[in-house]
């Protein structure tokens, strides 16, 4: 726990947590997925070299990576022997690479609003709240919602890795 706390503090302080460059992350997306492209850009802006592979058979990718059915999202990725399923924050991927847990990977199931690549431009919320648009001519819609990043262990069981 202390190691993770120190890692998080280093990330927020803008310090490098590793002297080596980040490994390449290979992102798999269905053809023409704008949110997936935005997520890949989020990863690039956070220091990753990203290789994007578009495919019509995402189901085959998820089977190959052993992503549990109930954790599926749209994009999938691989980095350093782990799978990354869904719109996972770059900082959590960096933490995973430092901690090196015995796990299959990280997952953000579904398409939660507010996750990288799924944000609205503003306003932002820093307390994991649900935000609504309040347009007098339309029904309010969710702008950001609570979600969790899950650590997927080798046995397929999950635990909460981060809350957003």
N, C-alpha and C. Protein backbone atom coordinates (compact mmCIF):
# COMPACT_ATOMS: atom_id res chain seq x y z
N UNK A 1 0.83 -1.19 0.00
CA UNK A 1 0.00 0.00 0.00
C UNK A 1 0.88 1.25 0.00
N UNK A 2 1.93 1.26 0.81
CA UNK A 2 2.82 2.41 0.87
C UNK A 2 3.51 2.63 -0.47
N UNK A 3 3.92 1.53 -1.10
CA UNK A 3 4.57 1.62 -2.41
C UNK A 3 3.64 2.30 -3.42
N UNK A 4 2.36 1.88 -3.41
CA UNK A 4 1.39 2.46 -4.34
C UNK A 4 1.16 3.94 -4.05
N UNK A 5 1.08 4.30 -2.79
CA UNK A 5 0.89 5.69 -2.40
C UNK A 5 2.05 6.55 -2.88
N UNK A 6 3.27 6.07 -2.69
CA UNK A 6 4.45 6.80 -3.16
C UNK A 6 4.47 6.94 -4.68
N UNK A 7 4.07 5.89 -5.36
CA UNK A 7 3.99 5.92 -6.82
C UNK A 7 2.98 6.97 -7.28
N UNK A 8 1.82 6.98 -6.65
CA UNK A 8 0.79 7.96 -7.01
C UNK A 8 1.28 9.38 -6.75
N UNK A 9 1.92 9.59 -5.63
CA UNK A 9 2.46 10.92 -5.32
C UNK A 9 3.49 11.34 -6.36
N UNK A 10 4.35 10.42 -6.78
CA UNK A 10 5.35 10.73 -7.80
C UNK A 10 4.69 11.08 -9.12
N UNK A 11 3.63 10.34 -9.48
CA UNK A 11 2.93 10.63 -10.74
C UNK A 11 2.31 12.02 -10.71
N UNK A 12 1.66 12.36 -9.59
CA UNK A 12 1.01 13.65 -9.51
C UNK A 12 2.00 14.80 -9.38
N UNK A 13 3.17 14.52 -8.88
CA UNK A 13 4.20 15.55 -8.77
C UNK A 13 4.92 15.76 -10.10
N UNK A 14 4.59 14.92 -11.10
CA UNK A 14 5.20 15.07 -12.42
C UNK A 14 6.57 14.45 -12.50
N UNK A 15 6.94 13.65 -11.51
CA UNK A 15 8.24 13.01 -11.51
C UNK A 15 8.18 11.73 -12.31
N UNK A 16 9.30 11.33 -12.88
CA UNK A 16 9.38 10.07 -13.60
C UNK A 16 9.44 8.94 -12.60
N UNK A 17 8.60 7.91 -12.79
CA UNK A 17 8.61 6.77 -11.90
C UNK A 17 9.53 5.67 -12.42
N UNK A 18 10.02 5.83 -13.63
CA UNK A 18 10.94 4.85 -14.19
C UNK A 18 11.92 5.58 -15.08
N UNK A 19 13.17 5.13 -15.04
CA UNK A 19 14.19 5.80 -15.84
C UNK A 19 14.14 5.33 -17.29
N UNK A 20 13.45 4.23 -17.56
CA UNK A 20 13.37 3.69 -18.91
C UNK A 20 12.14 4.26 -19.61
N UNK A 21 12.20 4.32 -20.95
CA UNK A 21 11.01 4.78 -21.67
C UNK A 21 9.87 3.77 -21.52
N UNK A 22 8.66 4.25 -21.67
CA UNK A 22 7.49 3.38 -21.55
C UNK A 22 7.46 2.41 -22.73
N UNK A 23 6.97 1.19 -22.51
CA UNK A 23 6.86 0.24 -23.63
C UNK A 23 5.77 0.66 -24.60
N UNK A 24 5.84 0.12 -25.80
CA UNK A 24 4.81 0.36 -26.81
C UNK A 24 3.52 -0.28 -26.34
N UNK A 25 2.43 0.42 -26.52
CA UNK A 25 1.11 -0.13 -26.22
C UNK A 25 0.39 -0.32 -27.55
N UNK A 26 -0.07 -1.55 -27.80
CA UNK A 26 -0.79 -1.83 -29.04
C UNK A 26 -2.28 -1.80 -28.76
N UNK A 27 -2.96 -0.88 -29.44
CA UNK A 27 -4.39 -0.66 -29.23
C UNK A 27 -5.15 -1.29 -30.40
N UNK A 28 -6.16 -2.08 -30.08
CA UNK A 28 -7.04 -2.69 -31.08
C UNK A 28 -8.39 -2.02 -31.00
N UNK A 29 -8.88 -1.56 -32.15
CA UNK A 29 -10.16 -0.87 -32.19
C UNK A 29 -10.97 -1.36 -33.38
N UNK A 30 -12.30 -1.24 -33.29
CA UNK A 30 -13.09 -1.47 -34.50
C UNK A 30 -12.83 -0.33 -35.47
N UNK A 31 -13.08 -0.56 -36.74
CA UNK A 31 -12.86 0.48 -37.74
C UNK A 31 -13.73 1.69 -37.42
N UNK A 32 -13.11 2.84 -37.48
CA UNK A 32 -13.74 4.14 -37.25
C UNK A 32 -14.44 4.21 -35.90
N UNK A 33 -13.65 4.20 -34.85
CA UNK A 33 -14.17 4.43 -33.50
C UNK A 33 -13.50 5.69 -32.98
N UNK A 34 -14.24 6.80 -32.99
CA UNK A 34 -13.66 8.09 -32.60
C UNK A 34 -13.24 8.12 -31.13
N UNK A 35 -14.02 7.50 -30.24
CA UNK A 35 -13.64 7.48 -28.83
C UNK A 35 -12.34 6.69 -28.63
N UNK A 36 -12.16 5.64 -29.42
CA UNK A 36 -10.93 4.83 -29.34
C UNK A 36 -9.73 5.65 -29.82
N UNK A 37 -9.92 6.44 -30.86
CA UNK A 37 -8.85 7.30 -31.36
C UNK A 37 -8.48 8.34 -30.31
N UNK A 38 -9.49 8.89 -29.64
CA UNK A 38 -9.24 9.86 -28.56
C UNK A 38 -8.49 9.20 -27.40
N UNK A 39 -8.83 7.96 -27.07
CA UNK A 39 -8.13 7.25 -26.00
C UNK A 39 -6.67 7.01 -26.38
N UNK A 40 -6.43 6.61 -27.63
CA UNK A 40 -5.05 6.41 -28.10
C UNK A 40 -4.27 7.72 -28.00
N UNK A 41 -4.91 8.82 -28.32
CA UNK A 41 -4.25 10.12 -28.20
C UNK A 41 -3.94 10.46 -26.74
N UNK A 42 -4.86 10.13 -25.83
CA UNK A 42 -4.62 10.30 -24.39
C UNK A 42 -3.36 9.54 -23.98
N UNK A 43 -3.20 8.32 -24.46
CA UNK A 43 -2.02 7.52 -24.13
C UNK A 43 -0.76 8.17 -24.68
N UNK A 44 -0.81 8.66 -25.92
CA UNK A 44 0.34 9.34 -26.52
C UNK A 44 0.73 10.57 -25.72
N UNK A 45 -0.26 11.36 -25.34
CA UNK A 45 0.02 12.59 -24.59
C UNK A 45 0.61 12.29 -23.22
N UNK A 46 0.49 11.06 -22.77
CA UNK A 46 1.03 10.67 -21.47
C UNK A 46 2.28 9.80 -21.61
N UNK A 47 2.95 9.91 -22.75
CA UNK A 47 4.27 9.31 -22.91
C UNK A 47 4.36 7.95 -23.57
N UNK A 48 3.23 7.34 -23.90
CA UNK A 48 3.28 6.04 -24.55
C UNK A 48 3.47 6.17 -26.06
N UNK A 49 4.19 5.24 -26.63
CA UNK A 49 4.20 5.07 -28.08
C UNK A 49 3.05 4.12 -28.36
N UNK A 50 2.15 4.52 -29.24
CA UNK A 50 0.92 3.77 -29.46
C UNK A 50 0.88 3.26 -30.90
N UNK A 51 0.61 1.99 -31.03
CA UNK A 51 0.37 1.37 -32.34
C UNK A 51 -1.10 1.01 -32.38
N UNK A 52 -1.84 1.57 -33.33
CA UNK A 52 -3.28 1.31 -33.44
C UNK A 52 -3.52 0.31 -34.57
N UNK A 53 -4.25 -0.75 -34.25
CA UNK A 53 -4.64 -1.75 -35.24
C UNK A 53 -6.16 -1.78 -35.28
N UNK A 54 -6.72 -1.46 -36.45
CA UNK A 54 -8.17 -1.51 -36.60
C UNK A 54 -8.55 -2.89 -37.13
N UNK A 55 -9.62 -3.44 -36.58
CA UNK A 55 -10.06 -4.78 -36.97
C UNK A 55 -11.58 -4.85 -36.96
N UNK A 56 -12.11 -5.70 -37.80
CA UNK A 56 -13.55 -5.95 -37.81
C UNK A 56 -13.91 -7.07 -36.83
N UNK A 57 -12.91 -7.79 -36.30
CA UNK A 57 -13.17 -8.94 -35.43
C UNK A 57 -12.63 -8.69 -34.02
N UNK A 58 -13.24 -7.74 -33.32
CA UNK A 58 -12.83 -7.44 -31.95
C UNK A 58 -13.07 -8.62 -31.01
N UNK A 59 -14.07 -9.42 -31.32
CA UNK A 59 -14.36 -10.58 -30.48
C UNK A 59 -13.17 -11.54 -30.46
N UNK A 60 -12.54 -11.74 -31.60
CA UNK A 60 -11.37 -12.62 -31.66
C UNK A 60 -10.21 -12.04 -30.85
N UNK A 61 -10.04 -10.72 -30.91
CA UNK A 61 -8.98 -10.06 -30.13
C UNK A 61 -9.21 -10.29 -28.64
N UNK A 62 -10.43 -10.09 -28.18
CA UNK A 62 -10.76 -10.24 -26.77
C UNK A 62 -10.58 -11.69 -26.32
N UNK A 63 -10.94 -12.66 -27.16
CA UNK A 63 -10.73 -14.08 -26.83
C UNK A 63 -9.23 -14.37 -26.71
N UNK A 64 -8.44 -13.87 -27.66
CA UNK A 64 -6.99 -14.10 -27.64
C UNK A 64 -6.35 -13.52 -26.39
N UNK A 65 -6.83 -12.35 -25.96
CA UNK A 65 -6.28 -11.69 -24.78
C UNK A 65 -6.85 -12.23 -23.47
N UNK A 66 -7.87 -13.09 -23.56
CA UNK A 66 -8.53 -13.69 -22.39
C UNK A 66 -9.26 -12.65 -21.54
N UNK A 67 -9.91 -11.71 -22.22
CA UNK A 67 -10.71 -10.70 -21.52
C UNK A 67 -12.03 -11.35 -21.10
N UNK A 68 -12.34 -11.37 -19.79
CA UNK A 68 -13.63 -11.92 -19.37
C UNK A 68 -14.79 -11.17 -20.01
N UNK A 69 -15.80 -11.92 -20.45
CA UNK A 69 -16.95 -11.37 -21.17
C UNK A 69 -17.59 -10.19 -20.45
N UNK A 70 -17.73 -10.30 -19.11
CA UNK A 70 -18.42 -9.26 -18.35
C UNK A 70 -17.58 -8.00 -18.14
N UNK A 71 -16.33 -8.01 -18.61
CA UNK A 71 -15.46 -6.84 -18.46
C UNK A 71 -15.18 -6.14 -19.79
N UNK A 72 -15.81 -6.61 -20.85
CA UNK A 72 -15.51 -6.07 -22.17
C UNK A 72 -15.93 -4.62 -22.33
N UNK A 73 -15.15 -3.93 -23.16
CA UNK A 73 -15.43 -2.56 -23.57
C UNK A 73 -15.25 -2.54 -25.09
N UNK A 74 -15.01 -1.38 -25.66
CA UNK A 74 -14.78 -1.32 -27.11
C UNK A 74 -13.30 -1.53 -27.42
N UNK A 75 -12.38 -0.64 -26.99
CA UNK A 75 -10.98 -0.88 -27.34
C UNK A 75 -10.34 -1.90 -26.41
N UNK A 76 -9.37 -2.60 -26.96
CA UNK A 76 -8.52 -3.50 -26.18
C UNK A 76 -7.09 -3.13 -26.51
N UNK A 77 -6.18 -3.43 -25.59
CA UNK A 77 -4.78 -3.12 -25.85
C UNK A 77 -3.89 -4.14 -25.15
N UNK A 78 -2.64 -4.17 -25.55
CA UNK A 78 -1.64 -4.98 -24.86
C UNK A 78 -0.43 -4.11 -24.58
N UNK A 79 0.17 -4.35 -23.41
CA UNK A 79 1.40 -3.66 -23.05
C UNK A 79 2.14 -4.52 -22.03
N UNK A 80 3.37 -4.82 -22.34
CA UNK A 80 4.26 -5.55 -21.42
C UNK A 80 3.65 -6.84 -20.87
N UNK A 81 2.90 -7.55 -21.71
CA UNK A 81 2.31 -8.82 -21.29
C UNK A 81 0.96 -8.70 -20.60
N UNK A 82 0.44 -7.51 -20.43
CA UNK A 82 -0.87 -7.28 -19.81
C UNK A 82 -1.88 -6.89 -20.89
N UNK A 83 -3.17 -7.18 -20.63
CA UNK A 83 -4.20 -6.57 -21.47
C UNK A 83 -4.73 -5.34 -20.77
N UNK A 84 -5.15 -4.40 -21.58
CA UNK A 84 -5.81 -3.18 -21.10
C UNK A 84 -7.14 -3.16 -21.83
N UNK A 85 -8.23 -3.27 -21.10
CA UNK A 85 -9.55 -3.34 -21.72
C UNK A 85 -10.33 -2.08 -21.39
N UNK A 86 -10.71 -1.37 -22.43
CA UNK A 86 -11.51 -0.16 -22.24
C UNK A 86 -10.67 1.08 -22.04
N UNK A 87 -11.33 2.14 -21.66
CA UNK A 87 -10.74 3.48 -21.57
C UNK A 87 -10.03 3.68 -20.23
N UNK A 88 -8.93 2.98 -20.04
CA UNK A 88 -8.15 3.04 -18.79
C UNK A 88 -7.24 4.27 -18.84
N UNK A 89 -7.13 4.97 -17.72
CA UNK A 89 -6.24 6.13 -17.60
C UNK A 89 -4.79 5.71 -17.79
N UNK A 90 -4.02 6.53 -18.48
CA UNK A 90 -2.60 6.27 -18.70
C UNK A 90 -1.85 6.13 -17.38
N UNK A 91 -2.20 6.93 -16.37
CA UNK A 91 -1.50 6.86 -15.08
C UNK A 91 -1.68 5.49 -14.42
N UNK A 92 -2.85 4.88 -14.58
CA UNK A 92 -3.05 3.55 -13.99
C UNK A 92 -2.24 2.49 -14.75
N UNK A 93 -2.10 2.68 -16.06
CA UNK A 93 -1.26 1.75 -16.83
C UNK A 93 0.19 1.89 -16.38
N UNK A 94 0.64 3.12 -16.16
CA UNK A 94 1.99 3.34 -15.66
C UNK A 94 2.20 2.68 -14.29
N UNK A 95 1.20 2.82 -13.40
CA UNK A 95 1.28 2.17 -12.09
C UNK A 95 1.39 0.66 -12.24
N UNK A 96 0.59 0.09 -13.12
CA UNK A 96 0.62 -1.35 -13.37
C UNK A 96 2.01 -1.78 -13.81
N UNK A 97 2.64 -1.01 -14.68
CA UNK A 97 3.96 -1.36 -15.20
C UNK A 97 5.05 -1.27 -14.12
N UNK A 98 4.85 -0.39 -13.14
CA UNK A 98 5.81 -0.28 -12.04
C UNK A 98 5.56 -1.40 -11.02
N UNK A 99 4.31 -1.61 -10.66
CA UNK A 99 3.96 -2.60 -9.63
C UNK A 99 4.16 -4.04 -10.11
N UNK A 100 3.91 -4.29 -11.39
CA UNK A 100 4.04 -5.62 -12.00
C UNK A 100 3.31 -6.71 -11.21
N UNK A 101 2.01 -6.52 -10.96
CA UNK A 101 1.28 -7.56 -10.22
C UNK A 101 1.10 -8.82 -11.08
N UNK A 102 0.88 -9.94 -10.41
CA UNK A 102 0.57 -11.18 -11.13
C UNK A 102 -0.89 -11.07 -11.53
N UNK A 103 -1.13 -10.57 -12.74
CA UNK A 103 -2.48 -10.30 -13.20
C UNK A 103 -2.54 -10.40 -14.72
N UNK A 104 -3.76 -10.48 -15.24
CA UNK A 104 -3.96 -10.45 -16.68
C UNK A 104 -3.92 -9.03 -17.21
N UNK A 105 -4.45 -8.08 -16.43
CA UNK A 105 -4.45 -6.70 -16.88
C UNK A 105 -5.43 -5.83 -16.12
N UNK A 106 -5.77 -4.71 -16.76
CA UNK A 106 -6.71 -3.72 -16.21
C UNK A 106 -7.92 -3.61 -17.12
N UNK A 107 -9.07 -3.28 -16.54
CA UNK A 107 -10.28 -3.12 -17.34
C UNK A 107 -11.15 -2.00 -16.80
N UNK A 108 -11.70 -1.23 -17.74
CA UNK A 108 -12.79 -0.30 -17.48
C UNK A 108 -13.93 -0.79 -18.37
N UNK A 109 -14.82 -1.61 -17.81
CA UNK A 109 -15.89 -2.19 -18.63
C UNK A 109 -16.84 -1.12 -19.17
N UNK A 110 -17.41 -1.43 -20.33
CA UNK A 110 -18.40 -0.55 -20.94
C UNK A 110 -17.79 0.72 -21.49
N UNK A 111 -18.56 1.76 -21.51
CA UNK A 111 -18.13 3.06 -22.05
C UNK A 111 -18.53 4.18 -21.09
N UNK A 112 -17.92 4.24 -19.90
CA UNK A 112 -18.34 5.28 -18.96
C UNK A 112 -17.98 6.68 -19.44
N UNK A 113 -18.92 7.58 -19.28
CA UNK A 113 -18.67 8.98 -19.63
C UNK A 113 -17.71 9.58 -18.61
N UNK A 114 -16.71 10.28 -19.11
CA UNK A 114 -15.69 10.88 -18.25
C UNK A 114 -14.37 10.15 -18.31
N UNK A 115 -14.37 8.91 -18.81
CA UNK A 115 -13.12 8.16 -18.98
C UNK A 115 -12.34 8.77 -20.15
N UNK A 116 -11.01 8.58 -20.21
CA UNK A 116 -10.23 9.14 -21.32
C UNK A 116 -10.80 8.72 -22.68
N UNK A 117 -11.04 9.70 -23.53
CA UNK A 117 -11.65 9.44 -24.82
C UNK A 117 -13.16 9.53 -24.78
N UNK A 118 -13.72 9.62 -23.58
CA UNK A 118 -15.17 9.68 -23.40
C UNK A 118 -15.57 10.93 -22.61
N UNK A 119 -14.69 11.95 -22.61
CA UNK A 119 -14.97 13.16 -21.85
C UNK A 119 -15.75 14.15 -22.71
N UNK A 120 -16.47 15.00 -22.00
CA UNK A 120 -16.98 16.21 -22.61
C UNK A 120 -15.98 17.29 -22.25
N UNK A 121 -15.90 18.33 -23.02
CA UNK A 121 -14.83 19.32 -22.83
C UNK A 121 -14.85 20.02 -21.49
N UNK A 122 -15.99 20.41 -21.00
CA UNK A 122 -16.05 21.07 -19.69
C UNK A 122 -17.49 21.10 -19.24
N UNK A 123 -17.80 21.32 -18.02
CA UNK A 123 -16.88 21.46 -16.90
C UNK A 123 -16.34 20.10 -16.48
N UNK A 124 -15.39 20.13 -15.56
CA UNK A 124 -14.84 18.88 -15.05
C UNK A 124 -15.27 18.69 -13.61
N UNK A 125 -15.14 17.49 -13.14
CA UNK A 125 -15.49 17.17 -11.76
C UNK A 125 -14.35 16.35 -11.18
N UNK A 126 -13.87 16.69 -10.02
CA UNK A 126 -12.76 15.98 -9.42
C UNK A 126 -13.17 15.13 -8.23
N UNK A 127 -14.47 14.91 -8.07
CA UNK A 127 -14.93 14.14 -6.92
C UNK A 127 -15.75 12.93 -7.33
N UNK A 128 -15.51 12.40 -8.54
CA UNK A 128 -16.21 11.21 -9.05
C UNK A 128 -17.72 11.38 -8.97
N UNK A 129 -18.18 12.56 -9.33
CA UNK A 129 -19.61 12.84 -9.27
C UNK A 129 -20.28 12.53 -10.60
N UNK A 130 -21.59 12.49 -10.58
CA UNK A 130 -22.35 12.41 -11.82
C UNK A 130 -22.76 13.83 -12.17
N UNK A 131 -22.41 14.27 -13.36
CA UNK A 131 -22.72 15.64 -13.79
C UNK A 131 -23.77 15.59 -14.88
N UNK A 132 -24.67 16.53 -14.86
CA UNK A 132 -25.72 16.60 -15.86
C UNK A 132 -25.65 17.91 -16.63
N UNK A 133 -25.94 17.83 -17.94
CA UNK A 133 -26.17 19.04 -18.72
C UNK A 133 -27.53 19.56 -18.32
N UNK A 134 -27.65 20.87 -18.16
CA UNK A 134 -28.95 21.43 -17.81
C UNK A 134 -29.34 22.46 -18.86
N UNK A 135 -29.78 21.96 -19.99
CA UNK A 135 -30.23 22.79 -21.09
C UNK A 135 -31.74 22.95 -20.94
N UNK A 136 -32.22 24.17 -20.94
CA UNK A 136 -33.65 24.41 -20.69
C UNK A 136 -34.53 23.82 -21.78
N UNK A 137 -33.98 23.52 -22.94
CA UNK A 137 -34.80 22.99 -24.03
C UNK A 137 -34.71 21.48 -24.17
N UNK A 138 -33.88 20.84 -23.36
CA UNK A 138 -33.71 19.40 -23.49
C UNK A 138 -33.70 18.73 -22.12
N UNK A 139 -33.91 17.44 -22.14
CA UNK A 139 -33.81 16.66 -20.91
C UNK A 139 -32.34 16.61 -20.51
N UNK A 140 -32.03 16.80 -19.22
CA UNK A 140 -30.62 16.72 -18.79
C UNK A 140 -30.00 15.38 -19.18
N UNK A 141 -28.74 15.40 -19.57
CA UNK A 141 -28.03 14.16 -19.89
C UNK A 141 -26.77 14.08 -19.05
N UNK A 142 -26.33 12.86 -18.80
CA UNK A 142 -25.14 12.64 -18.00
C UNK A 142 -23.91 13.08 -18.79
N UNK A 143 -23.05 13.88 -18.15
CA UNK A 143 -21.79 14.31 -18.76
C UNK A 143 -20.62 13.50 -18.23
N UNK A 144 -20.72 13.06 -16.99
CA UNK A 144 -19.64 12.31 -16.36
C UNK A 144 -20.28 11.41 -15.33
N UNK A 145 -19.78 10.17 -15.25
CA UNK A 145 -20.35 9.23 -14.30
C UNK A 145 -19.25 8.52 -13.51
N UNK A 146 -19.63 8.02 -12.36
CA UNK A 146 -18.70 7.25 -11.53
C UNK A 146 -18.36 5.95 -12.24
N UNK A 147 -17.09 5.54 -12.19
CA UNK A 147 -16.69 4.23 -12.70
C UNK A 147 -15.42 3.79 -12.00
N UNK A 148 -15.10 2.50 -12.17
CA UNK A 148 -13.92 1.93 -11.54
C UNK A 148 -13.01 1.31 -12.60
N UNK A 149 -11.70 1.37 -12.33
CA UNK A 149 -10.73 0.59 -13.08
C UNK A 149 -10.50 -0.66 -12.26
N UNK A 150 -10.60 -1.82 -12.91
CA UNK A 150 -10.47 -3.09 -12.22
C UNK A 150 -9.16 -3.78 -12.57
N UNK A 151 -8.53 -4.38 -11.58
CA UNK A 151 -7.37 -5.25 -11.79
C UNK A 151 -7.94 -6.64 -12.01
N UNK A 152 -7.56 -7.27 -13.12
CA UNK A 152 -8.05 -8.61 -13.44
C UNK A 152 -6.92 -9.59 -13.11
N UNK A 153 -7.16 -10.41 -12.08
CA UNK A 153 -6.14 -11.37 -11.67
C UNK A 153 -6.09 -12.56 -12.63
N UNK A 154 -5.08 -13.38 -12.48
CA UNK A 154 -4.88 -14.54 -13.37
C UNK A 154 -6.06 -15.50 -13.34
N UNK A 155 -6.78 -15.57 -12.20
CA UNK A 155 -7.93 -16.47 -12.11
C UNK A 155 -9.21 -15.84 -12.66
N UNK A 156 -9.10 -14.61 -13.19
CA UNK A 156 -10.26 -13.91 -13.76
C UNK A 156 -11.02 -13.08 -12.75
N UNK A 157 -10.72 -13.22 -11.47
CA UNK A 157 -11.39 -12.42 -10.45
C UNK A 157 -10.84 -11.00 -10.50
N UNK A 158 -11.65 -10.06 -10.03
CA UNK A 158 -11.26 -8.65 -10.10
C UNK A 158 -11.21 -8.01 -8.72
N UNK A 159 -10.47 -6.91 -8.66
CA UNK A 159 -10.49 -6.05 -7.48
C UNK A 159 -10.40 -4.61 -8.00
N UNK A 160 -10.88 -3.69 -7.21
CA UNK A 160 -10.87 -2.29 -7.61
C UNK A 160 -9.42 -1.77 -7.57
N UNK A 161 -8.99 -1.23 -8.69
CA UNK A 161 -7.64 -0.67 -8.81
C UNK A 161 -7.68 0.84 -8.61
N UNK A 162 -8.74 1.47 -9.12
CA UNK A 162 -8.92 2.92 -8.97
C UNK A 162 -10.40 3.25 -9.11
N UNK A 163 -10.79 4.36 -8.49
CA UNK A 163 -12.17 4.86 -8.62
C UNK A 163 -12.13 6.24 -9.24
N UNK A 164 -13.08 6.50 -10.11
CA UNK A 164 -13.13 7.79 -10.79
C UNK A 164 -14.52 8.38 -10.68
